Amino acid sequence: MKRRIGSFTDVYLIRVAESPSYKPVLPKERQALHDATQNVALKAERYAAWNALLAGLERSAGIFPDQAGLRRTDSGKWVTEACGISISHCKTAAAAAVSPHPVGVDIEPAEDARYREALLDRIASDAERETVKSLPTGLGIAAIWTRKEAAFKQRGDGAFSPGEEDAANGAIRTVRIRLDRDYVVSVAGETDRIRVFEVTDDAIVQRTDYETIVPPNGKKQYVVYMLRCKGDRLYTGITTDPVRRFSEHEGKARGAKYTHAFPPEGIAAAWKTDSRALALKLEARIKKLTRAQKNLLIETNAFDAFKGAIAQDAYKRIEV
């Protein structure tokens, strides 16, 4: 029976301890895998990734290890009928993703001696190169590699072949975030509503300081959003990541002056477009509307108040 889970795709990051204090894990099949792992470093990575997953299942889905029904498929992927899950690890960090939809996640250091132009030649198509052309070579390679791994993990079957995975298209979001160093994390699946958390020994902390370096489908999208704030006030802005931006508005360091005075209570409406110019145009037009016109826009999604100055088909209403 599927348990209730929110509409977000949540990513949990954790650092790999050099000398972990190992505790038994569930299910027994996973414990057997840990016990059979002779490589000390790999065992630490696997342990960290599993701890990130268990923390994520409990926080995002309200599922405890003995309730999750976790099992390993013939292809080696861990699954549960409760929700979509995925795990990944490298030498110094691990990641787990929890989603109401099938999901894939991969994490790699942002800089690595393995990231050379020759590797890019072997694994990347012209379209994939185009998605990372603005990034330094090493960062671009990390982005393409993690996008391919994430897409493969989301699919959940077959054998991984980097040259055959499509990293240019599909709902794959790639972010850069700093833990002990910079990491590149790619998430494949429903990535319009993504949240990132760091798991430590003491707490699970939401991180809003990540940077999207390759957006879904390799194209940057801009979102015009309307917040409902304290006192039933409305605030309008633009962003490339509405979930992260809302979290920033809730805080003090990165939010707008207006939301410092009138804290946000929720996102009332949002529209996405591929053009920053179009996003700025819609934002400016919304700010000129009366309060009654803004409420009507939120309720009906009708652009009638703009009197033809805004082409509605250039924007897509999204749920955030």
C-alpha atoms as a PDB file:
ATOM      1  CA  MET A   1       0.000   0.000   0.000  1.00  0.00           C
ATOM      2  CA  LYS A   2       1.410   3.359  -1.010  1.00  0.00           C
ATOM      3  CA  ARG A   3       1.844   5.870   1.775  1.00  0.00           C
ATOM      4  CA  ARG A   4       1.050   9.520   1.480  1.00  0.00           C
ATOM      5  CA  ILE A   5       3.992  11.590   0.266  1.00  0.00           C
ATOM      6  CA  GLY A   6       4.206  15.262  -0.664  1.00  0.00           C
ATOM      7  CA  SER A   7       4.506  16.568  -4.208  1.00  0.00           C
ATOM      8  CA  PHE A   8       8.180  17.522  -3.936  1.00  0.00           C
ATOM      9  CA  THR A   9      11.202  15.619  -5.157  1.00  0.00           C
ATOM     10  CA  ASP A  10      13.486  15.799  -2.125  1.00  0.00           C
ATOM     11  CA  VAL A  11      17.247  15.281  -2.314  1.00  0.00           C
ATOM     12  CA  TYR A  12      19.251  14.413   0.794  1.00  0.00           C
ATOM     13  CA  LEU A  13      23.018  14.953   0.869  1.00  0.00           C
ATOM     14  CA  ILE A  14      25.439  13.552   3.426  1.00  0.00           C
ATOM     15  CA  ARG A  15      29.188  13.561   3.866  1.00  0.00           C
ATOM     16  CA  VAL A  16      30.988  10.212   3.932  1.00  0.00           C
ATOM     17  CA  ALA A  17      32.761   9.688   7.247  1.00  0.00           C
ATOM     18  CA  GLU A  18      36.312   8.382   7.054  1.00  0.00           C
ATOM     19  CA  SER A  19      35.786   5.959   9.957  1.00  0.00           C
ATOM     20  CA  PRO A  20      32.042   5.503  10.543  1.00  0.00           C
ATOM     21  CA  SER A  21      30.628   3.951  13.684  1.00  0.00           C
ATOM     22  CA  TYR A  22      28.619   1.279  11.904  1.00  0.00           C
ATOM     23  CA  LYS A  23      25.181   0.390  13.219  1.00  0.00           C
ATOM     24  CA  PRO A  24      22.894  -2.358  11.880  1.00  0.00           C
ATOM     25  CA  VAL A  25      20.672  -1.282   8.996  1.00  0.00           C
ATOM     26  CA  LEU A  26      17.403  -2.526   7.538  1.00  0.00           C
ATOM     27  CA  PRO A  27      16.459  -4.498   5.577  1.00  0.00           C
ATOM     28  CA  LYS A  28      18.626  -7.552   6.238  1.00  0.00           C
ATOM     29  CA  GLU A  29      19.468  -7.718   2.536  1.00  0.00           C
ATOM     30  CA  ARG A  30      21.152  -4.303   2.761  1.00  0.00           C
ATOM     31  CA  GLN A  31      23.012  -5.311   5.928  1.00  0.00           C
ATOM     32  CA  ALA A  32      24.278  -8.415   4.108  1.00  0.00           C
ATOM     33  CA  LEU A  33      25.579  -6.177   1.306  1.00  0.00           C
ATOM     34  CA  HIS A  34      27.430  -4.022   3.844  1.00  0.00           C
ATOM     35  CA  ASP A  35      28.885  -7.073   5.573  1.00  0.00           C
ATOM     36  CA  ALA A  36      30.101  -8.485   2.256  1.00  0.00           C
ATOM     37  CA  THR A  37      31.793  -5.224   1.186  1.00  0.00           C
ATOM     38  CA  GLN A  38      35.533  -5.721   1.734  1.00  0.00           C
ATOM     39  CA  ASN A  39      36.646  -2.361   0.350  1.00  0.00           C
ATOM     40  CA  VAL A  40      36.763  -0.047   3.394  1.00  0.00           C
ATOM     41  CA  ALA A  41      36.113   3.161   1.446  1.00  0.00           C
ATOM     42  CA  LEU A  42      33.237   1.683  -0.572  1.00  0.00           C
ATOM     43  CA  LYS A  43      31.626   0.338   2.590  1.00  0.00           C
ATOM     44  CA  ALA A  44      31.683   3.827   4.135  1.00  0.00           C
ATOM     45  CA  GLU A  45      30.126   5.295   0.972  1.00  0.00           C
ATOM     46  CA  ARG A  46      27.331   2.717   0.915  1.00  0.00           C
ATOM     47  CA  TYR A  47      26.619   3.225   4.599  1.00  0.00           C
ATOM     48  CA  ALA A  48      26.363   7.006   4.167  1.00  0.00           C
ATOM     49  CA  ALA A  49      24.068   6.700   1.138  1.00  0.00           C
ATOM     50  CA  TRP A  50      21.745   4.355   3.018  1.00  0.00           C
ATOM     51  CA  ASN A  51      21.593   6.661   6.027  1.00  0.00           C
ATOM     52  CA  ALA A  52      20.680   9.544   3.701  1.00  0.00           C
ATOM     53  CA  LEU A  53      17.902   7.436   2.174  1.00  0.00           C
ATOM     54  CA  LEU A  54      16.458   6.344   5.520  1.00  0.00           C
ATOM     55  CA  ALA A  55      16.508   9.950   6.755  1.00  0.00           C
ATOM     56  CA  GLY A  56      14.749  11.026   3.579  1.00  0.00           C
ATOM     57  CA  LEU A  57      12.076   8.335   3.765  1.00  0.00           C
ATOM     58  CA  GLU A  58      11.250   9.298   7.333  1.00  0.00           C
ATOM     59  CA  ARG A  59      11.189  13.050   6.736  1.00  0.00           C
ATOM     60  CA  SER A  60       9.547  13.202   3.301  1.00  0.00           C
ATOM     61  CA  ALA A  61       7.223  10.200   3.453  1.00  0.00           C
ATOM     62  CA  GLY A  62       6.824   9.416   7.138  1.00  0.00           C
ATOM     63  CA  ILE A  63       8.196   5.923   6.564  1.00  0.00           C
ATOM     64  CA  PHE A  64      10.480   4.147   9.031  1.00  0.00           C
ATOM     65  CA  PRO A  65      12.991   1.462   7.925  1.00  0.00           C
ATOM     66  CA  ASP A  66      10.899  -1.466   9.175  1.00  0.00           C
ATOM     67  CA  GLN A  67       7.857  -0.138   7.273  1.00  0.00           C
ATOM     68  CA  ALA A  68       9.489   0.718   3.951  1.00  0.00           C
ATOM     69  CA  GLY A  69       9.473  -2.703   2.305  1.00  0.00           C
ATOM     70  CA  LEU A  70      12.808  -1.937   0.667  1.00  0.00           C
ATOM     71  CA  ARG A  71      14.076  -4.551  -1.742  1.00  0.00           C
ATOM     72  CA  ARG A  72      16.710  -4.917  -4.432  1.00  0.00           C
ATOM     73  CA  THR A  73      15.693  -5.631  -8.036  1.00  0.00           C
ATOM     74  CA  ASP A  74      17.516  -8.001 -10.370  1.00  0.00           C
ATOM     75  CA  SER A  75      19.277  -4.992 -11.911  1.00  0.00           C
ATOM     76  CA  GLY A  76      20.609  -3.932  -8.493  1.00  0.00           C
ATOM     77  CA  LYS A  77      18.293  -0.947  -7.952  1.00  0.00           C
ATOM     78  CA  TRP A  78      16.734  -0.496  -4.514  1.00  0.00           C
ATOM     79  CA  VAL A  79      12.998   0.168  -4.598  1.00  0.00           C
ATOM     80  CA  THR A  80       9.944   0.504  -2.378  1.00  0.00           C
ATOM     81  CA  GLU A  81       6.300   0.546  -3.351  1.00  0.00           C
ATOM     82  CA  ALA A  82       5.765   3.549  -1.075  1.00  0.00           C
ATOM     83  CA  CYS A  83       7.465   6.089  -3.379  1.00  0.00           C
ATOM     84  CA  GLY A  84      10.239   6.637  -5.879  1.00  0.00           C
ATOM     85  CA  ILE A  85      13.769   6.410  -4.458  1.00  0.00           C
ATOM     86  CA  SER A  86      17.351   6.538  -5.692  1.00  0.00           C
ATOM     87  CA  ILE A  87      20.805   6.613  -4.092  1.00  0.00           C
ATOM     88  CA  SER A  88      24.294   7.588  -5.212  1.00  0.00           C
ATOM     89  CA  HIS A  89      27.698   7.934  -3.627  1.00  0.00           C
ATOM     90  CA  CYS A  90      31.231   9.041  -4.371  1.00  0.00           C
ATOM     91  CA  LYS A  91      34.349   9.000  -2.170  1.00  0.00           C
ATOM     92  CA  THR A  92      33.410  11.916   0.062  1.00  0.00           C
ATOM     93  CA  ALA A  93      29.642  12.420  -0.234  1.00  0.00           C
ATOM     94  CA  ALA A  94      26.409  10.555  -0.928  1.00  0.00           C
ATOM     95  CA  ALA A  95      22.930  11.474  -2.091  1.00  0.00           C
ATOM     96  CA  ALA A  96      19.442  10.015  -1.844  1.00  0.00           C
ATOM     97  CA  ALA A  97      16.269  11.138  -3.603  1.00  0.00           C
ATOM     98  CA  VAL A  98      12.688  10.581  -2.463  1.00  0.00           C
ATOM     99  CA  SER A  99       9.794  11.427  -4.777  1.00  0.00           C
ATOM    100  CA  PRO A 100       6.155  10.567  -5.448  1.00  0.00           C
ATOM    101  CA  HIS A 101       7.350   9.665  -8.958  1.00  0.00           C
ATOM    102  CA  PRO A 102      10.141   7.438 -10.351  1.00  0.00           C
ATOM    103  CA  VAL A 103      13.403   9.258  -9.683  1.00  0.00           C
ATOM    104  CA  GLY A 104      17.139   8.960 -10.308  1.00  0.00           C
ATOM    105  CA  VAL A 105      19.974  10.804  -8.576  1.00  0.00           C
ATOM    106  CA  ASP A 106      23.734  10.983  -9.016  1.00  0.00           C
ATOM    107  CA  ILE A 107      26.464  12.918  -7.218  1.00  0.00           C
ATOM    108  CA  GLU A 108      30.079  13.622  -8.190  1.00  0.00           C
ATOM    109  CA  PRO A 109      32.755  16.134  -7.146  1.00  0.00           C
ATOM    110  CA  ALA A 110      32.643  19.310  -9.227  1.00  0.00           C
ATOM    111  CA  GLU A 111      36.367  18.970  -9.920  1.00  0.00           C
ATOM    112  CA  ASP A 112      38.196  15.704 -10.521  1.00  0.00           C
ATOM    113  CA  ALA A 113      41.424  14.713 -12.263  1.00  0.00           C
ATOM    114  CA  ARG A 114      39.379  12.270 -14.388  1.00  0.00           C
ATOM    115  CA  TYR A 115      37.478  15.113 -16.039  1.00  0.00           C
ATOM    116  CA  ARG A 116      39.404  15.581 -19.288  1.00  0.00           C
ATOM    117  CA  GLU A 117      38.370  16.622 -22.775  1.00  0.00           C
ATOM    118  CA  ALA A 118      39.005  13.073 -24.014  1.00  0.00           C
ATOM    119  CA  LEU A 119      36.292  11.779 -21.678  1.00  0.00           C
ATOM    120  CA  LEU A 120      33.868  14.376 -22.999  1.00  0.00           C
ATOM    121  CA  ASP A 121      34.638  13.230 -26.562  1.00  0.00           C
ATOM    122  CA  ARG A 122      33.773   9.643 -25.648  1.00  0.00           C
ATOM    123  CA  ILE A 123      30.498  10.196 -23.816  1.00  0.00           C
ATOM    124  CA  ALA A 124      28.896  13.432 -25.057  1.00  0.00           C
ATOM    125  CA  SER A 125      26.823  14.165 -28.148  1.00  0.00           C
ATOM    126  CA  ASP A 126      26.801  17.586 -29.813  1.00  0.00           C
ATOM    127  CA  ALA A 127      23.440  18.328 -28.171  1.00  0.00           C
ATOM    128  CA  GLU A 128      24.817  17.422 -24.753  1.00  0.00           C
ATOM    129  CA  ARG A 129      27.872  19.600 -25.274  1.00  0.00           C
ATOM    130  CA  GLU A 130      25.535  22.462 -26.131  1.00  0.00           C
ATOM    131  CA  THR A 131      23.804  22.221 -22.730  1.00  0.00           C
ATOM    132  CA  VAL A 132      27.106  22.752 -20.870  1.00  0.00           C
ATOM    133  CA  LYS A 133      28.932  25.074 -23.256  1.00  0.00           C
ATOM    134  CA  SER A 134      28.880  27.940 -20.735  1.00  0.00           C
ATOM    135  CA  LEU A 135      30.521  25.803 -18.032  1.00  0.00           C
ATOM    136  CA  PRO A 136      34.234  25.107 -17.478  1.00  0.00           C
ATOM    137  CA  THR A 137      35.280  21.776 -19.021  1.00  0.00           C
ATOM    138  CA  GLY A 138      35.529  19.868 -15.733  1.00  0.00           C
ATOM    139  CA  LEU A 139      32.207  21.115 -14.449  1.00  0.00           C
ATOM    140  CA  GLY A 140      30.560  20.373 -17.790  1.00  0.00           C
ATOM    141  CA  ILE A 141      31.841  16.791 -17.759  1.00  0.00           C
ATOM    142  CA  ALA A 142      30.562  16.289 -14.196  1.00  0.00           C
ATOM    143  CA  ALA A 143      27.183  17.677 -15.254  1.00  0.00           C
ATOM    144  CA  ILE A 144      26.852  15.421 -18.312  1.00  0.00           C
ATOM    145  CA  TRP A 145      28.030  12.315 -16.448  1.00  0.00           C
ATOM    146  CA  THR A 146      25.674  12.792 -13.509  1.00  0.00           C
ATOM    147  CA  ARG A 147      22.760  13.567 -15.846  1.00  0.00           C
ATOM    148  CA  LYS A 148      23.363  10.306 -17.696  1.00  0.00           C
ATOM    149  CA  GLU A 149      23.602   8.323 -14.450  1.00  0.00           C
ATOM    150  CA  ALA A 150      20.460   9.957 -13.049  1.00  0.00           C
ATOM    151  CA  ALA A 151      18.479   9.216 -16.233  1.00  0.00           C
ATOM    152  CA  PHE A 152      19.613   5.593 -16.139  1.00  0.00           C
ATOM    153  CA  LYS A 153      18.686   5.201 -12.471  1.00  0.00           C
ATOM    154  CA  GLN A 154      15.273   6.709 -13.019  1.00  0.00           C
ATOM    155  CA  ARG A 155      14.578   4.166 -15.762  1.00  0.00           C
ATOM    156  CA  GLY A 156      15.690   1.398 -13.417  1.00  0.00           C
ATOM    157  CA  ASP A 157      16.608  -1.395 -15.806  1.00  0.00           C
ATOM    158  CA  GLY A 158      19.310  -2.608 -18.185  1.00  0.00           C
ATOM    159  CA  ALA A 159      23.020  -1.824 -18.014  1.00  0.00           C
ATOM    160  CA  PHE A 160      24.506   1.663 -17.843  1.00  0.00           C
ATOM    161  CA  SER A 161      26.088   2.805 -21.110  1.00  0.00           C
ATOM    162  CA  PRO A 162      27.157   6.477 -20.977  1.00  0.00           C
ATOM    163  CA  GLY A 163      27.189   6.918 -24.733  1.00  0.00           C
ATOM    164  CA  GLU A 164      23.584   5.764 -25.045  1.00  0.00           C
ATOM    165  CA  GLU A 165      22.006   7.822 -22.250  1.00  0.00           C
ATOM    166  CA  ASP A 166      20.502  11.171 -23.293  1.00  0.00           C
ATOM    167  CA  ALA A 167      21.721  13.972 -21.021  1.00  0.00           C
ATOM    168  CA  ALA A 168      20.431  16.806 -23.220  1.00  0.00           C
ATOM    169  CA  ASN A 169      16.701  16.171 -22.986  1.00  0.00           C
ATOM    170  CA  GLY A 170      14.245  15.091 -20.357  1.00  0.00           C
ATOM    171  CA  ALA A 171      13.324  16.360 -16.911  1.00  0.00           C
ATOM    172  CA  ILE A 172      16.826  16.296 -15.413  1.00  0.00           C
ATOM    173  CA  ARG A 173      17.938  19.137 -13.143  1.00  0.00           C
ATOM    174  CA  THR A 174      21.637  19.563 -12.384  1.00  0.00           C
ATOM    175  CA  VAL A 175      22.789  21.652  -9.440  1.00  0.00           C
ATOM    176  CA  ARG A 176      26.077  22.632  -7.833  1.00  0.00           C
ATOM    177  CA  ILE A 177      26.246  22.754  -4.056  1.00  0.00           C
ATOM    178  CA  ARG A 178      29.014  22.984  -1.492  1.00  0.00           C
ATOM    179  CA  LEU A 179      29.502  20.547   1.376  1.00  0.00           C
ATOM    180  CA  ASP A 180      33.170  20.028   2.269  1.00  0.00           C
ATOM    181  CA  ARG A 181      33.824  20.959  -1.370  1.00  0.00           C
ATOM    182  CA  ASP A 182      31.708  21.656  -4.458  1.00  0.00           C
ATOM    183  CA  TYR A 183      29.576  18.805  -5.799  1.00  0.00           C
ATOM    184  CA  VAL A 184      27.436  18.332  -8.868  1.00  0.00           C
ATOM    185  CA  VAL A 185      24.113  16.591  -8.283  1.00  0.00           C
ATOM    186  CA  SER A 186      21.688  15.596 -11.040  1.00  0.00           C
ATOM    187  CA  VAL A 187      18.092  14.540 -10.422  1.00  0.00           C
ATOM    188  CA  ALA A 188      15.931  12.895 -13.091  1.00  0.00           C
ATOM    189  CA  GLY A 189      12.155  12.827 -12.764  1.00  0.00           C
ATOM    190  CA  GLU A 190       9.625  15.454 -11.713  1.00  0.00           C
ATOM    191  CA  THR A 191      12.123  18.246 -11.008  1.00  0.00           C
ATOM    192  CA  ASP A 192      10.008  21.416 -11.116  1.00  0.00           C
ATOM    193  CA  ARG A 193       9.418  21.014  -7.375  1.00  0.00           C
ATOM    194  CA  ILE A 194      12.764  20.094  -5.858  1.00  0.00           C
ATOM    195  CA  ARG A 195      14.086  20.588  -2.332  1.00  0.00           C
ATOM    196  CA  VAL A 196      17.629  19.922  -1.129  1.00  0.00           C
ATOM    197  CA  PHE A 197      18.584  18.902   2.409  1.00  0.00           C
ATOM    198  CA  GLU A 198      21.846  18.140   4.181  1.00  0.00           C
ATOM    199  CA  VAL A 199      21.900  15.284   6.691  1.00  0.00           C
ATOM    200  CA  THR A 200      24.288  15.716   9.622  1.00  0.00           C
ATOM    201  CA  ASP A 201      24.768  13.800  12.874  1.00  0.00           C
ATOM    202  CA  ASP A 202      22.480  16.253  14.664  1.00  0.00           C
ATOM    203  CA  ALA A 203      19.895  17.473  12.184  1.00  0.00           C
ATOM    204  CA  ILE A 204      18.436  17.606   8.688  1.00  0.00           C
ATOM    205  CA  VAL A 205      18.853  21.104   7.313  1.00  0.00           C
ATOM    206  CA  GLN A 206      17.214  22.468   4.185  1.00  0.00           C
ATOM    207  CA  ARG A 207      19.738  23.996   1.775  1.00  0.00           C
ATOM    208  CA  THR A 208      18.622  26.816  -0.521  1.00  0.00           C
ATOM    209  CA  ASP A 209      22.111  27.925  -1.533  1.00  0.00           C
ATOM    210  CA  TYR A 210      22.472  25.497  -4.431  1.00  0.00           C
ATOM    211  CA  GLU A 211      22.871  26.700  -8.024  1.00  0.00           C
ATOM    212  CA  THR A 212      21.068  25.125 -10.978  1.00  0.00           C
ATOM    213  CA  ILE A 213      23.788  24.818 -13.632  1.00  0.00           C
ATOM    214  CA  VAL A 214      21.803  22.764 -16.183  1.00  0.00           C
ATOM    215  CA  PRO A 215      17.995  23.046 -16.017  1.00  0.00           C
ATOM    216  CA  PRO A 216      15.497  20.399 -17.173  1.00  0.00           C
ATOM    217  CA  ASN A 217      15.716  19.747 -20.923  1.00  0.00           C
ATOM    218  CA  GLY A 218      18.950  21.728 -20.944  1.00  0.00           C
ATOM    219  CA  LYS A 219      17.015  24.997 -21.269  1.00  0.00           C
ATOM    220  CA  LYS A 220      16.826  27.630 -18.566  1.00  0.00           C
ATOM    221  CA  GLN A 221      13.274  28.411 -17.570  1.00  0.00           C
ATOM    222  CA  TYR A 222      12.079  31.525 -15.822  1.00  0.00           C
ATOM    223  CA  VAL A 223       9.160  31.516 -13.428  1.00  0.00           C
ATOM    224  CA  VAL A 224       6.955  34.487 -12.601  1.00  0.00           C
ATOM    225  CA  TYR A 225       5.412  33.867  -9.193  1.00  0.00           C
ATOM    226  CA  MET A 226       2.883  35.558  -6.944  1.00  0.00           C
ATOM    227  CA  LEU A 227       3.178  35.113  -3.190  1.00  0.00           C
ATOM    228  CA  ARG A 228       0.345  35.508  -0.746  1.00  0.00           C
ATOM    229  CA  CYS A 229       1.878  37.270   2.246  1.00  0.00           C
ATOM    230  CA  LYS A 230       0.901  38.248   5.784  1.00  0.00           C
ATOM    231  CA  GLY A 231      -2.139  40.494   5.892  1.00  0.00           C
ATOM    232  CA  ASP A 232      -3.473  38.975   2.643  1.00  0.00           C
ATOM    233  CA  ARG A 233      -0.952  40.983   0.628  1.00  0.00           C
ATOM    234  CA  LEU A 234       0.450  39.890  -2.744  1.00  0.00           C
ATOM    235  CA  TYR A 235       4.068  39.990  -3.918  1.00  0.00           C
ATOM    236  CA  THR A 236       5.271  39.284  -7.486  1.00  0.00           C
ATOM    237  CA  GLY A 237       8.771  38.276  -8.593  1.00  0.00           C
ATOM    238  CA  ILE A 238      10.743  36.115 -11.032  1.00  0.00           C
ATOM    239  CA  THR A 239      13.146  33.221 -10.434  1.00  0.00           C
ATOM    240  CA  THR A 240      14.577  30.110 -12.053  1.00  0.00           C
ATOM    241  CA  ASP A 241      13.660  27.974  -9.031  1.00  0.00           C
ATOM    242  CA  PRO A 242      10.399  28.902  -7.280  1.00  0.00           C
ATOM    243  CA  VAL A 243      10.701  26.399  -4.439  1.00  0.00           C
ATOM    244  CA  ARG A 244      14.173  27.611  -3.498  1.00  0.00           C
ATOM    245  CA  ARG A 245      13.140  31.255  -3.897  1.00  0.00           C
ATOM    246  CA  PHE A 246      10.135  30.780  -1.623  1.00  0.00           C
ATOM    247  CA  SER A 247      12.425  29.334   1.043  1.00  0.00           C
ATOM    248  CA  GLU A 248      14.686  32.370   0.647  1.00  0.00           C
ATOM    249  CA  HIS A 249      11.716  34.692   1.096  1.00  0.00           C
ATOM    250  CA  GLU A 250      10.860  32.830   4.302  1.00  0.00           C
ATOM    251  CA  GLY A 251      14.362  33.595   5.593  1.00  0.00           C
ATOM    252  CA  LYS A 252      15.976  36.959   6.159  1.00  0.00           C
ATOM    253  CA  ALA A 253      19.328  36.840   4.363  1.00  0.00           C
ATOM    254  CA  ARG A 254      18.212  36.356   0.748  1.00  0.00           C
ATOM    255  CA  GLY A 255      14.557  37.385   0.633  1.00  0.00           C
ATOM    256  CA  ALA A 256      13.129  40.696  -0.604  1.00  0.00           C
ATOM    257  CA  LYS A 257      12.587  43.695   1.684  1.00  0.00           C
ATOM    258  CA  TYR A 258       8.845  43.369   1.153  1.00  0.00           C
ATOM    259  CA  THR A 259       8.744  39.776   2.387  1.00  0.00           C
ATOM    260  CA  HIS A 260      10.872  40.739   5.384  1.00  0.00           C
ATOM    261  CA  ALA A 261       8.052  43.086   6.414  1.00  0.00           C
ATOM    262  CA  PHE A 262       5.229  40.828   5.269  1.00  0.00           C
ATOM    263  CA  PRO A 263       6.348  37.161   5.480  1.00  0.00           C
ATOM    264  CA  PRO A 264       5.063  34.851   2.720  1.00  0.00           C
ATOM    265  CA  GLU A 265       2.361  32.319   3.522  1.00  0.00           C
ATOM    266  CA  GLY A 266       2.312  30.471   0.208  1.00  0.00           C
ATOM    267  CA  ILE A 267       2.701  30.641  -3.565  1.00  0.00           C
ATOM    268  CA  ALA A 268      -0.601  31.844  -5.001  1.00  0.00           C
ATOM    269  CA  ALA A 269       0.256  31.353  -8.685  1.00  0.00           C
ATOM    270  CA  ALA A 270       3.228  30.778 -10.990  1.00  0.00           C
ATOM    271  CA  TRP A 271       3.916  30.760 -14.741  1.00  0.00           C
ATOM    272  CA  LYS A 272       7.023  29.542 -16.557  1.00  0.00           C
ATOM    273  CA  THR A 273       8.592  30.672 -19.817  1.00  0.00           C
ATOM    274  CA  ASP A 274      11.866  30.066 -21.676  1.00  0.00           C
ATOM    275  CA  SER A 275      12.554  33.806 -22.046  1.00  0.00           C
ATOM    276  CA  ARG A 276      13.837  36.104 -19.313  1.00  0.00           C
ATOM    277  CA  ALA A 277      12.534  39.088 -21.274  1.00  0.00           C
ATOM    278  CA  LEU A 278       9.040  37.591 -21.326  1.00  0.00           C
ATOM    279  CA  ALA A 279       9.241  36.835 -17.615  1.00  0.00           C
ATOM    280  CA  LEU A 280      10.219  40.421 -16.836  1.00  0.00           C
ATOM    281  CA  LYS A 281       7.392  41.673 -19.042  1.00  0.00           C
ATOM    282  CA  LEU A 282       4.765  39.594 -17.258  1.00  0.00           C
ATOM    283  CA  GLU A 283       6.138  40.543 -13.841  1.00  0.00           C
ATOM    284  CA  ALA A 284       5.926  44.248 -14.694  1.00  0.00           C
ATOM    285  CA  ARG A 285       2.380  43.925 -16.055  1.00  0.00           C
ATOM    286  CA  ILE A 286       1.142  42.023 -13.010  1.00  0.00           C
ATOM    287  CA  LYS A 287       2.521  44.692 -10.701  1.00  0.00           C
ATOM    288  CA  LYS A 288       0.394  47.281 -12.523  1.00  0.00           C
ATOM    289  CA  LEU A 289      -2.852  45.369 -11.970  1.00  0.00           C
ATOM    290  CA  THR A 290      -5.354  46.300  -9.306  1.00  0.00           C
ATOM    291  CA  ARG A 291      -5.822  43.993  -6.351  1.00  0.00           C
ATOM    292  CA  ALA A 292      -9.104  42.735  -7.794  1.00  0.00           C
ATOM    293  CA  GLN A 293      -7.453  42.027 -11.161  1.00  0.00           C
ATOM    294  CA  LYS A 294      -4.615  40.126  -9.468  1.00  0.00           C
ATOM    295  CA  ASN A 295      -7.052  37.929  -7.564  1.00  0.00           C
ATOM    296  CA  LEU A 296      -8.978  37.236 -10.772  1.00  0.00           C
ATOM    297  CA  LEU A 297      -5.747  36.280 -12.528  1.00  0.00           C
ATOM    298  CA  ILE A 298      -4.887  33.868  -9.720  1.00  0.00           C
ATOM    299  CA  GLU A 299      -8.356  32.312  -9.716  1.00  0.00           C
ATOM    300  CA  THR A 300      -8.989  32.042 -13.472  1.00  0.00           C
ATOM    301  CA  ASN A 301      -5.547  32.215 -15.150  1.00  0.00           C
ATOM    302  CA  ALA A 302      -7.195  34.527 -17.708  1.00  0.00           C
ATOM    303  CA  PHE A 303      -4.948  37.236 -19.142  1.00  0.00           C
ATOM    304  CA  ASP A 304      -7.946  39.461 -20.033  1.00  0.00           C
ATOM    305  CA  ALA A 305      -6.750  42.288 -17.788  1.00  0.00           C
ATOM    306  CA  PHE A 306      -3.651  42.721 -19.949  1.00  0.00           C
ATOM    307  CA  LYS A 307      -5.840  43.649 -22.954  1.00  0.00           C
ATOM    308  CA  GLY A 308      -3.689  41.794 -25.479  1.00  0.00           C
ATOM    309  CA  ALA A 309      -0.381  43.284 -24.279  1.00  0.00           C
ATOM    310  CA  ILE A 310       0.681  39.825 -23.012  1.00  0.00           C
ATOM    311  CA  ALA A 311       0.425  36.673 -25.163  1.00  0.00           C
ATOM    312  CA  GLN A 312      -0.927  33.996 -22.833  1.00  0.00           C
ATOM    313  CA  ASP A 313       0.406  31.119 -24.949  1.00  0.00           C
ATOM    314  CA  ALA A 314       3.979  32.263 -24.150  1.00  0.00           C
ATOM    315  CA  TYR A 315       3.498  31.213 -20.515  1.00  0.00           C
ATOM    316  CA  LYS A 316       2.507  27.950 -18.841  1.00  0.00           C
ATOM    317  CA  ARG A 317       0.726  27.952 -15.488  1.00  0.00           C
ATOM    318  CA  ILE A 318       2.483  25.579 -13.081  1.00  0.00           C
ATOM    319  CA  GLU A 319       1.751  24.210  -9.628  1.00  0.00           C
ATOM    320  CA  VAL A 320       4.420  24.906  -7.046  1.00  0.00           C
END
